[in-house]
């Protein structure tokens, strides 16, 4: 996660999940979010909305990251994986 001065930052992770799941159940952030595919993943995870799949999600291979400039709540972002994979996330709350 990148660094900020005098700003609240939160982080978390989801591991060994397959299928479609929200990144977090309910976390209002109104700010920046960075999502990382865990380095030990053996496959790709896909980031998107509640209907995310391998055909419409943003792909992240092991160790790759995605930065999104503004998200109001982490429950708006979902990830999909056909096999057990993990991700970590970091947000800046405004």
Protein backbone atom coordinates (compact mmCIF):
# COMPACT_ATOMS: atom_id res chain seq x y z
CA UNK A 1 0.00 0.00 0.00
CA UNK A 2 1.28 3.51 -0.69
CA UNK A 3 2.02 5.97 2.13
CA UNK A 4 0.06 8.96 3.43
CA UNK A 5 0.75 11.56 6.03
CA UNK A 6 -1.95 12.31 8.65
CA UNK A 7 -4.60 10.19 6.92
CA UNK A 8 -6.39 7.09 8.17
CA UNK A 9 -5.53 3.88 6.31
CA UNK A 10 -7.10 0.44 6.69
CA UNK A 11 -6.13 -2.91 5.27
CA UNK A 12 -7.25 -6.51 5.20
CA UNK A 13 -7.14 -9.72 3.21
CA UNK A 14 -9.24 -12.60 1.91
CA UNK A 15 -7.63 -15.99 1.35
CA UNK A 16 -8.36 -19.33 -0.25
CA UNK A 17 -11.71 -18.41 -1.73
CA UNK A 18 -13.12 -19.67 -4.99
CA UNK A 19 -16.23 -18.32 -6.68
CA UNK A 20 -17.48 -14.73 -6.39
CA UNK A 21 -17.31 -12.78 -3.14
CA UNK A 22 -17.27 -9.09 -2.08
CA UNK A 23 -13.83 -7.76 -1.20
CA UNK A 24 -15.28 -6.72 2.19
CA UNK A 25 -18.83 -7.04 3.53
CA UNK A 26 -19.47 -3.42 4.54
CA UNK A 27 -16.72 -0.86 4.81
CA UNK A 28 -17.51 2.76 3.83
CA UNK A 29 -14.27 4.33 2.64
CA UNK A 30 -15.06 7.12 0.17
CA UNK A 31 -11.56 7.09 -1.19
CA UNK A 32 -8.68 5.27 -2.81
CA UNK A 33 -8.33 1.50 -2.73
CA UNK A 34 -5.47 -0.75 -3.76
CA UNK A 35 -6.05 -4.48 -4.25
CA UNK A 36 -3.19 -6.98 -4.48
CA UNK A 37 -3.32 -10.58 -5.65
CA UNK A 38 -1.34 -12.55 -3.06
CA UNK A 39 2.15 -13.54 -4.27
CA UNK A 40 1.52 -17.22 -3.56
CA UNK A 41 -1.57 -17.44 -5.79
CA UNK A 42 -1.38 -20.15 -8.42
CA UNK A 43 -3.95 -18.55 -10.72
CA UNK A 44 -5.68 -15.32 -11.67
CA UNK A 45 -8.31 -13.44 -9.65
CA UNK A 46 -10.78 -11.06 -11.32
CA UNK A 47 -12.05 -7.79 -9.82
CA UNK A 48 -15.39 -6.25 -10.79
CA UNK A 49 -19.01 -5.70 -9.77
CA UNK A 50 -21.37 -8.28 -8.26
CA UNK A 51 -21.55 -10.19 -11.56
CA UNK A 52 -17.76 -10.47 -11.94
CA UNK A 53 -16.45 -13.49 -13.84
CA UNK A 54 -13.38 -14.53 -15.78
CA UNK A 55 -14.93 -13.01 -18.90
CA UNK A 56 -15.74 -9.53 -17.54
CA UNK A 57 -13.44 -8.88 -14.54
CA UNK A 58 -10.13 -7.07 -14.32
CA UNK A 59 -7.48 -9.85 -14.11
CA UNK A 60 -4.78 -9.88 -11.45
CA UNK A 61 -2.04 -12.51 -11.58
CA UNK A 62 -0.03 -13.40 -8.47
CA UNK A 63 1.67 -10.31 -7.05
CA UNK A 64 -0.13 -7.81 -9.31
CA UNK A 65 -2.05 -4.81 -7.97
CA UNK A 66 -4.98 -2.65 -9.01
CA UNK A 67 -5.52 0.92 -7.79
CA UNK A 68 -8.99 2.44 -7.96
CA UNK A 69 -9.20 6.21 -7.45
CA UNK A 70 -12.55 6.31 -5.62
CA UNK A 71 -14.81 3.70 -4.06
CA UNK A 72 -17.57 4.61 -1.62
CA UNK A 73 -17.81 1.15 0.00
CA UNK A 74 -15.71 -1.99 -0.41
CA UNK A 75 -18.90 -4.06 -0.68
CA UNK A 76 -19.24 -2.60 -4.21
CA UNK A 77 -16.12 -4.49 -5.36
CA UNK A 78 -16.19 -8.25 -5.88
CA UNK A 79 -13.56 -10.75 -6.79
CA UNK A 80 -13.88 -14.02 -8.63
CA UNK A 81 -11.57 -16.99 -8.85
CA UNK A 82 -12.26 -20.44 -10.33
CA UNK A 83 -9.80 -21.98 -7.82
CA UNK A 84 -8.74 -20.99 -4.29
CA UNK A 85 -6.77 -17.72 -4.41
CA UNK A 86 -6.28 -14.74 -2.11
CA UNK A 87 -6.05 -10.97 -2.15
CA UNK A 88 -5.12 -8.13 0.16
CA UNK A 89 -6.48 -4.61 0.15
CA UNK A 90 -5.53 -1.21 1.51
CA UNK A 91 -7.69 1.92 1.57
CA UNK A 92 -7.37 5.54 2.46
CA UNK A 93 -10.43 6.92 4.21
CA UNK A 94 -11.24 10.55 3.49
